[in-house]
Amino acid sequence: MHPSGFYAAVPVFRRFDRLMDPALYVSLPEDWLVGVADIVESTRAIAEQRYKAVNMAGAAVIAAVTNALAGRDFPFVFGGDGASFAIAPQDADLAREALAATATWVRDELGLTLRVALVPVSRVQAAGRDVRVARFGPSPHVAYAMFSGGGLGWAEAAMKRGEFAIAPAPPGTQPDLTGLSCRFSEIPATRGVILSVLIVPGPDAEPVAFRKLIEQVVALAERSPDAGRPVPAEGPALRWPPAGLDYEARARRGGALPLKRLVILARTLWVYLVMRFGIPVAGFVPRVYIGQAVANSDFRKFDDGLRMVLDCSRELADALEQQLAAASATGIVRYGLHRQDAAMMTCFTPSALRADHLHFIDGAQGGYAVAATALKASL
């Protein structure tokens, strides 16, 4: 068995309200590595309203590593303006090359700076942290990784200090981003507001108190009829030409950009017609794909902190903010919230004929990146 089979053996849990159960999490082997990536000065990019570019860069990390590993399953988490993951030591060289190439592509094609690093789990453990992983299955088709133990946070801080850094590949190097796209239109709020939520342990947080607070927040969101998945049951709207056409063209390998734009323009027109009129094509059934996309959407996760994108009422957003402000005053949590009028979806679909396509959700006007800025400001 390939060492990455370790992750495949981690049981999948289906109820998100169980995410704080320590029994669900398994420590990564000490010879594994943690990959971390984030956009430098993402706040400025958000201020320039480059929301799609920021999300595309974060999702590109996951797409590049997945394709480099030939689709082998590995734990990862999308963070809006970056991503984190873990890999077996035998995959380290492939992941390093993919990260270096992605950093170059993000710089050359998106005009952003992507900082990337690979951190040995043994170094994380030596610093008194751990990297524990669980698998949450929002649908029968996919499972997203959840991380606990403080190791991701330690690795990210080390990366920002310049440790374990991976230099960008030579100019012109392009990762394999096959399947990466952002064709769907923004998803307007239907309950009042799209709320991006980021909650991490406070400086005086006792693990039991932090766990209880997270469970209360999740229960508040799950039990309220005024909050839920920001993706409607009928799926996001699809228009032509899609807003993300240029990004998808830039993600395509080979050829001049104008030619790639024409190819993507023609391809997305065909897809639009197939989806618009529900035309089954060679085993692809639009209605089935949309149902899977809704069920597979990644709008809530835990990576040493709780991240959620909720479509909720303004009253519920106020109640949640009051609850978090009270917990913050006692040192249990630090948090950031950001209210927007829409969400957006970035997709990774290696094959539209398979059910395991991935759909990353963020707020459409800054999302997690702005929530993180609010969290930092609270310090």
Protein backbone atom coordinates (compact mmCIF):
# COMPACT_ATOMS: atom_id res chain seq x y z
CA MET A 1 0.00 0.00 0.00
CA HIS A 2 1.26 3.50 -0.86
CA PRO A 3 1.92 5.53 2.29
CA SER A 4 -0.86 7.92 1.30
CA GLY A 5 -3.19 5.01 2.09
CA PHE A 6 -2.90 6.21 5.68
CA TYR A 7 -5.32 9.01 4.90
CA ALA A 8 -7.73 6.77 2.99
CA ALA A 9 -7.96 4.61 6.12
CA VAL A 10 -9.17 7.53 8.28
CA PRO A 11 -12.93 7.01 8.81
CA VAL A 12 -15.31 9.54 7.29
CA PHE A 13 -17.83 11.27 9.56
CA ARG A 14 -21.04 12.70 8.10
CA ARG A 15 -22.47 15.00 10.80
CA PHE A 16 -20.65 18.32 10.89
CA ASP A 17 -21.74 18.93 14.49
CA ARG A 18 -19.29 16.16 15.49
CA LEU A 19 -16.23 18.00 14.15
CA MET A 20 -14.86 18.80 17.64
CA ASP A 21 -14.86 15.15 18.76
CA PRO A 22 -11.16 14.34 19.41
CA ALA A 23 -11.79 10.68 18.60
CA LEU A 24 -12.31 11.57 14.95
CA TYR A 25 -8.78 12.93 14.51
CA VAL A 26 -5.65 10.90 13.86
CA SER A 27 -2.09 12.24 14.13
CA LEU A 28 -0.14 12.34 10.88
CA PRO A 29 2.97 10.14 10.74
CA GLU A 30 6.08 12.07 11.76
CA ASP A 31 7.74 11.55 8.36
CA TRP A 32 4.89 13.32 6.52
CA LEU A 33 5.06 16.95 5.45
CA VAL A 34 2.65 19.85 5.72
CA GLY A 35 2.26 22.17 2.75
CA VAL A 36 1.17 25.76 3.35
CA ALA A 37 0.50 28.57 0.89
CA ASP A 38 -0.94 32.05 1.12
CA ILE A 39 -1.18 35.26 -0.89
CA VAL A 40 1.18 37.98 0.29
CA GLU A 41 -0.73 41.25 0.82
CA SER A 42 -4.06 39.61 0.05
CA THR A 43 -5.73 42.54 1.83
CA ARG A 44 -4.52 44.88 -0.91
CA ALA A 45 -5.72 42.50 -3.62
CA ILE A 46 -9.12 42.37 -1.95
CA ALA A 47 -9.20 46.17 -1.70
CA GLU A 48 -8.62 46.20 -5.47
CA GLN A 49 -11.66 43.89 -5.79
CA ARG A 50 -9.58 41.02 -7.18
CA TYR A 51 -11.71 38.48 -5.37
CA LYS A 52 -11.75 35.82 -8.09
CA ALA A 53 -7.99 36.05 -8.62
CA VAL A 54 -7.33 35.51 -4.91
CA ASN A 55 -9.64 32.48 -4.74
CA MET A 56 -8.25 31.09 -7.99
CA ALA A 57 -4.73 31.23 -6.54
CA GLY A 58 -5.76 29.36 -3.40
CA ALA A 59 -7.64 26.67 -5.34
CA ALA A 60 -4.74 26.38 -7.81
CA VAL A 61 -2.53 25.01 -5.03
CA ILE A 62 -4.95 22.13 -4.45
CA ALA A 63 -5.45 21.49 -8.17
CA ALA A 64 -1.72 21.51 -8.93
CA VAL A 65 -0.80 19.11 -6.13
CA THR A 66 -3.75 16.81 -6.90
CA ASN A 67 -2.76 16.58 -10.57
CA ALA A 68 0.91 16.11 -9.70
CA LEU A 69 -0.06 13.17 -7.49
CA ALA A 70 -2.14 11.66 -10.32
CA GLY A 71 -5.33 12.04 -8.33
CA ARG A 72 -4.16 10.19 -5.22
CA ASP A 73 -6.19 11.21 -2.19
CA PHE A 74 -4.48 13.47 0.34
CA PRO A 75 -5.75 15.83 3.05
CA PHE A 76 -6.14 19.49 2.10
CA VAL A 77 -8.11 22.57 3.07
CA PHE A 78 -9.00 25.65 1.02
CA GLY A 79 -8.56 28.88 2.93
CA GLY A 80 -9.75 31.50 0.44
CA ASP A 81 -6.45 33.32 -0.04
CA GLY A 82 -4.38 30.16 0.31
CA ALA A 83 -4.46 26.47 1.10
CA SER A 84 -2.91 23.87 3.39
CA PHE A 85 -2.36 20.15 2.89
CA ALA A 86 -0.34 17.15 4.03
CA ILE A 87 1.52 14.54 1.99
CA ALA A 88 3.48 11.34 2.44
CA PRO A 89 7.29 11.66 2.17
CA GLN A 90 7.35 9.75 -1.13
CA ASP A 91 5.26 12.55 -2.68
CA ALA A 92 7.40 15.41 -1.36
CA ASP A 93 9.30 16.05 -4.59
CA LEU A 94 6.13 16.08 -6.68
CA ALA A 95 4.43 18.45 -4.26
CA ARG A 96 7.49 20.72 -4.10
CA GLU A 97 7.59 21.01 -7.89
CA ALA A 98 3.86 21.69 -8.03
CA LEU A 99 4.11 24.41 -5.38
CA ALA A 100 7.07 26.08 -7.11
CA ALA A 101 5.27 26.03 -10.46
CA THR A 102 2.05 27.36 -8.92
CA ALA A 103 3.91 30.25 -7.29
CA THR A 104 5.33 31.18 -10.69
CA TRP A 105 1.95 30.89 -12.41
CA VAL A 106 0.22 33.02 -9.76
CA ARG A 107 2.91 35.69 -10.17
CA ASP A 108 3.00 35.67 -13.97
CA GLU A 109 -0.69 35.17 -14.76
CA LEU A 110 -2.55 36.63 -11.78
CA GLY A 111 -0.12 39.35 -10.73
CA LEU A 112 -0.08 38.10 -7.13
CA THR A 113 2.66 36.77 -4.86
CA LEU A 114 2.04 33.27 -3.55
CA ARG A 115 4.20 32.26 -0.61
CA VAL A 116 4.68 28.46 -0.35
CA ALA A 117 6.48 26.09 2.03
CA LEU A 118 6.77 22.41 2.94
CA VAL A 119 7.18 21.76 6.66
CA PRO A 120 8.15 18.36 8.13
CA VAL A 121 5.60 17.10 10.63
CA SER A 122 8.53 16.09 12.85
CA ARG A 123 9.49 19.77 13.16
CA VAL A 124 5.93 20.67 14.07
CA GLN A 125 5.89 17.99 16.75
CA ALA A 126 9.28 19.10 18.08
CA ALA A 127 7.75 22.54 18.61
CA GLY A 128 5.08 21.04 20.84
CA ARG A 129 2.27 21.02 18.26
CA ASP A 130 0.60 18.20 16.38
CA VAL A 131 -1.12 17.77 13.02
CA ARG A 132 -4.22 15.64 13.43
CA VAL A 133 -6.58 14.96 10.58
CA ALA A 134 -10.19 13.85 10.22
CA ARG A 135 -12.39 13.36 7.15
CA PHE A 136 -15.79 15.03 6.83
CA GLY A 137 -18.10 13.78 4.10
CA PRO A 138 -20.72 16.39 3.11
CA SER A 139 -21.96 13.96 0.47
CA PRO A 140 -21.40 10.29 -0.43
CA HIS A 141 -19.01 11.41 -3.17
CA VAL A 142 -16.34 13.51 -1.44
CA ALA A 143 -14.62 13.92 1.92
CA TYR A 144 -12.82 17.08 2.98
CA ALA A 145 -10.00 17.11 5.51
CA MET A 146 -10.35 18.72 8.94
CA PHE A 147 -7.18 19.58 10.86
CA SER A 148 -6.55 20.05 14.58
CA GLY A 149 -3.58 20.10 16.94
CA GLY A 150 -2.23 23.57 16.19
CA GLY A 151 0.26 22.27 13.63
CA LEU A 152 -1.12 24.10 10.60
CA GLY A 153 -1.00 27.40 12.45
CA TRP A 154 2.60 26.75 13.50
CA ALA A 155 3.60 25.81 9.96
CA GLU A 156 1.98 28.93 8.51
CA ALA A 157 3.74 31.15 11.05
CA ALA A 158 7.06 29.48 10.20
CA MET A 159 6.43 30.09 6.50
CA LYS A 160 5.75 33.77 7.15
CA ARG A 161 9.08 33.96 9.00
CA GLY A 162 10.75 32.69 5.83
CA GLU A 163 11.39 29.15 7.06
CA PHE A 164 10.93 26.04 4.88
CA ALA A 165 10.33 28.33 1.88
CA ILE A 166 10.06 26.99 -1.66
CA ALA A 167 11.31 29.36 -4.35
CA PRO A 168 9.18 29.93 -7.45
CA ALA A 169 10.04 27.86 -10.50
CA PRO A 170 11.75 29.51 -13.51
CA PRO A 171 9.61 32.04 -15.43
CA GLY A 172 7.18 30.40 -17.81
CA THR A 173 6.81 27.23 -15.75
CA GLN A 174 3.16 26.28 -15.47
CA PRO A 175 1.59 23.70 -13.17
CA ASP A 176 -0.99 21.22 -14.39
CA LEU A 177 -4.25 22.95 -13.43
CA THR A 178 -6.52 20.70 -15.46
CA GLY A 179 -10.05 20.84 -14.06
CA LEU A 180 -9.71 24.23 -12.35
CA SER A 181 -12.41 26.73 -13.29
CA CYS A 182 -14.74 29.42 -11.93
CA ARG A 183 -17.58 29.41 -14.48
CA PHE A 184 -20.55 29.85 -12.16
CA SER A 185 -21.93 33.30 -11.45
CA GLU A 186 -21.94 34.82 -7.99
CA ILE A 187 -24.55 33.34 -5.66
CA PRO A 188 -26.73 36.06 -4.09
CA ALA A 189 -27.87 35.75 -0.49
CA THR A 190 -31.43 34.52 -0.15
CA ARG A 191 -31.81 34.84 3.63
CA GLY A 192 -30.31 38.30 4.04
CA VAL A 193 -26.52 38.15 4.10
CA ILE A 194 -23.58 35.94 3.19
CA LEU A 195 -21.49 35.71 6.35
CA SER A 196 -17.86 34.61 6.27
CA VAL A 197 -16.84 33.29 9.69
CA LEU A 198 -13.35 32.63 11.05
CA ILE A 199 -12.90 31.53 14.67
CA VAL A 200 -9.59 30.46 16.26
CA PRO A 201 -8.57 29.75 19.86
CA GLY A 202 -7.93 32.81 22.01
CA PRO A 203 -4.76 33.44 24.03
CA ASP A 204 -6.34 32.09 27.22
CA ALA A 205 -8.44 29.35 25.64
CA GLU A 206 -8.85 26.10 27.51
CA PRO A 207 -9.43 23.29 24.99
CA VAL A 208 -12.70 22.28 26.63
CA ALA A 209 -14.05 25.84 26.61
CA PHE A 210 -13.02 26.39 22.99
CA ARG A 211 -14.58 23.09 21.93
CA LYS A 212 -17.83 23.98 23.69
CA LEU A 213 -17.94 27.40 22.03
CA ILE A 214 -17.39 25.93 18.54
CA GLU A 215 -20.08 23.34 19.15
CA GLN A 216 -22.47 26.11 20.20
CA VAL A 217 -21.73 28.15 17.08
CA VAL A 218 -22.21 25.14 14.79
CA ALA A 219 -25.45 24.24 16.58
CA LEU A 220 -26.70 27.82 16.22
CA ALA A 221 -26.09 27.69 12.47
CA GLU A 222 -27.35 24.15 11.92
CA ARG A 223 -30.54 24.37 13.97
CA SER A 224 -31.69 27.74 12.74
CA PRO A 225 -34.00 27.92 9.73
CA ASP A 226 -32.35 31.29 9.08
CA ALA A 227 -28.93 29.85 8.13
CA GLY A 228 -27.56 27.29 5.75
CA ARG A 229 -25.52 26.34 2.73
CA PRO A 230 -25.05 29.36 0.45
CA VAL A 231 -25.48 27.24 -2.69
CA PRO A 232 -29.16 26.87 -3.67
CA ALA A 233 -30.61 23.45 -4.40
CA GLU A 234 -30.87 24.28 -8.10
CA GLY A 235 -27.20 25.25 -8.18
CA PRO A 236 -25.57 28.59 -8.99
CA ALA A 237 -26.53 30.50 -12.11
CA LEU A 238 -24.46 29.82 -15.21
CA ARG A 239 -24.10 32.60 -17.78
CA TRP A 240 -22.08 32.99 -20.94
CA PRO A 241 -19.46 34.17 -21.31
CA PRO A 242 -18.55 33.25 -17.73
CA ALA A 243 -17.01 35.85 -15.43
CA GLY A 244 -13.99 33.59 -14.83
CA LEU A 245 -13.19 32.98 -18.50
CA ASP A 246 -9.86 34.80 -18.48
CA TYR A 247 -8.64 32.96 -15.38
CA GLU A 248 -9.55 29.60 -16.88
CA ALA A 249 -7.73 30.52 -20.09
CA ARG A 250 -4.63 31.47 -18.11
CA ALA A 251 -4.80 28.13 -16.27
CA ARG A 252 -4.71 26.23 -19.56
CA ARG A 253 -1.31 24.94 -20.66
CA GLY A 254 0.23 25.70 -24.04
CA GLY A 255 -0.43 28.34 -26.66
CA ALA A 256 -0.78 32.10 -26.70
CA LEU A 257 -3.32 33.66 -24.34
CA PRO A 258 -5.61 35.03 -27.12
CA LEU A 259 -5.87 31.57 -28.65
CA LYS A 260 -6.52 29.99 -25.25
CA ARG A 261 -9.29 32.54 -24.65
CA LEU A 262 -10.95 31.55 -27.92
CA VAL A 263 -10.73 27.86 -27.04
CA ILE A 264 -12.24 28.43 -23.60
CA LEU A 265 -14.87 30.75 -25.07
CA ALA A 266 -16.00 28.00 -27.46
CA ARG A 267 -15.82 25.30 -24.81
CA THR A 268 -17.81 27.30 -22.25
CA LEU A 269 -20.47 28.13 -24.87
CA TRP A 270 -20.93 24.41 -25.50
CA VAL A 271 -21.11 23.74 -21.77
CA TYR A 272 -23.56 26.61 -21.29
CA LEU A 273 -25.91 25.23 -23.95
CA VAL A 274 -25.69 21.70 -22.55
CA MET A 275 -26.42 22.95 -19.02
CA ARG A 276 -29.03 25.51 -20.03
CA PHE A 277 -31.15 23.00 -21.92
CA GLY A 278 -30.29 19.96 -19.78
CA ILE A 279 -28.89 17.96 -22.68
CA PRO A 280 -27.31 14.60 -21.68
CA VAL A 281 -24.00 14.14 -23.52
CA ALA A 282 -21.88 10.94 -23.53
CA GLY A 283 -22.83 9.93 -20.01
CA PHE A 284 -22.89 13.48 -18.64
CA VAL A 285 -26.27 14.44 -17.20
CA PRO A 286 -26.47 18.16 -16.28
CA ARG A 287 -29.12 17.69 -13.60
CA VAL A 288 -27.04 15.01 -11.88
CA TYR A 289 -23.86 17.10 -12.06
CA ILE A 290 -25.56 20.14 -10.50
CA GLY A 291 -26.99 18.01 -7.71
CA GLN A 292 -23.53 16.67 -6.98
CA ALA A 293 -21.99 20.14 -7.10
CA VAL A 294 -24.48 21.40 -4.50
CA ALA A 295 -23.92 18.40 -2.22
CA ASN A 296 -20.11 18.51 -2.63
CA SER A 297 -19.77 22.23 -1.90
CA ASP A 298 -17.15 23.04 0.74
CA PHE A 299 -18.67 25.88 2.75
CA ARG A 300 -17.57 24.89 6.27
CA LYS A 301 -14.39 23.36 7.64
CA PHE A 302 -12.01 23.19 10.58
CA ASP A 303 -8.27 23.82 10.24
CA ASP A 304 -7.18 24.67 13.80
CA GLY A 305 -10.13 27.05 13.65
CA LEU A 306 -13.67 27.08 12.32
CA ARG A 307 -14.34 28.52 8.86
CA MET A 308 -17.87 28.86 7.51
CA VAL A 309 -19.64 30.71 4.73
CA LEU A 310 -23.30 30.97 5.67
CA ASP A 311 -26.37 32.32 3.97
CA CYS A 312 -28.20 33.67 7.01
CA SER A 313 -30.52 36.35 8.29
CA ARG A 314 -29.02 39.61 9.55
CA GLU A 315 -30.55 38.85 12.95
CA LEU A 316 -28.70 35.55 13.15
CA ALA A 317 -25.47 37.24 12.04
CA ASP A 318 -25.94 39.78 14.85
CA ALA A 319 -26.60 37.01 17.40
CA LEU A 320 -23.50 35.12 16.30
CA GLU A 321 -21.37 38.25 16.50
CA GLN A 322 -22.62 38.99 20.01
CA GLN A 323 -21.84 35.43 21.11
CA LEU A 324 -18.33 35.63 19.70
CA ALA A 325 -17.69 39.08 21.17
CA ALA A 326 -18.58 37.75 24.62
CA ALA A 327 -16.30 34.73 24.19
CA SER A 328 -13.51 36.96 22.90
CA ALA A 329 -13.76 39.19 25.96
CA THR A 330 -12.94 36.19 28.15
CA GLY A 331 -10.02 35.10 25.93
CA ILE A 332 -11.68 31.90 24.66
CA VAL A 333 -11.60 32.87 20.98
CA ARG A 334 -10.36 35.33 18.42
CA TYR A 335 -12.67 35.84 15.48
CA GLY A 336 -13.33 37.69 12.27
CA LEU A 337 -16.62 38.12 10.44
CA HIS A 338 -17.38 39.62 7.06
CA ARG A 339 -20.84 40.34 5.67
CA GLN A 340 -21.45 40.33 1.92
CA ASP A 341 -24.43 40.11 -0.39
CA ALA A 342 -23.18 37.10 -2.39
CA ALA A 343 -20.96 34.02 -2.34
CA MET A 344 -18.84 32.56 -5.12
CA MET A 345 -17.75 29.10 -6.14
CA THR A 346 -14.38 27.97 -7.50
CA CYS A 347 -14.48 24.49 -9.00
CA PHE A 348 -12.03 21.65 -9.46
CA THR A 349 -13.50 19.06 -11.81
CA PRO A 350 -10.86 16.65 -13.15
CA SER A 351 -13.68 14.69 -14.82
CA ALA A 352 -17.30 15.79 -15.21
CA LEU A 353 -18.25 12.10 -15.57
CA ARG A 354 -17.16 11.33 -12.00
CA ALA A 355 -19.11 12.34 -8.90
CA ASP A 356 -16.11 13.52 -6.85
CA HIS A 357 -15.73 17.03 -8.28
CA LEU A 358 -14.85 19.68 -5.68
CA HIS A 359 -16.44 23.10 -5.21
CA PHE A 360 -14.85 25.66 -2.89
CA ILE A 361 -17.12 28.37 -1.47
CA ASP A 362 -16.06 31.82 -0.29
CA GLY A 363 -17.71 35.17 0.13
CA ALA A 364 -17.86 37.11 -3.13
CA GLN A 365 -16.56 40.39 -1.71
CA GLY A 366 -13.49 39.35 0.23
CA GLY A 367 -14.74 36.38 2.21
CA TYR A 368 -12.24 34.61 4.42
CA ALA A 369 -9.46 37.08 3.59
CA VAL A 370 -11.42 40.04 4.96
CA ALA A 371 -12.57 37.98 7.96
CA ALA A 372 -8.90 37.20 8.66
CA THR A 373 -8.06 40.90 8.44
CA ALA A 374 -10.81 41.63 10.97
CA LEU A 375 -9.40 38.92 13.23
CA LYS A 376 -5.91 40.42 13.07
CA ALA A 377 -7.30 43.90 13.75
CA SER A 378 -8.96 42.60 16.92
CA LEU A 379 -5.51 41.81 18.31
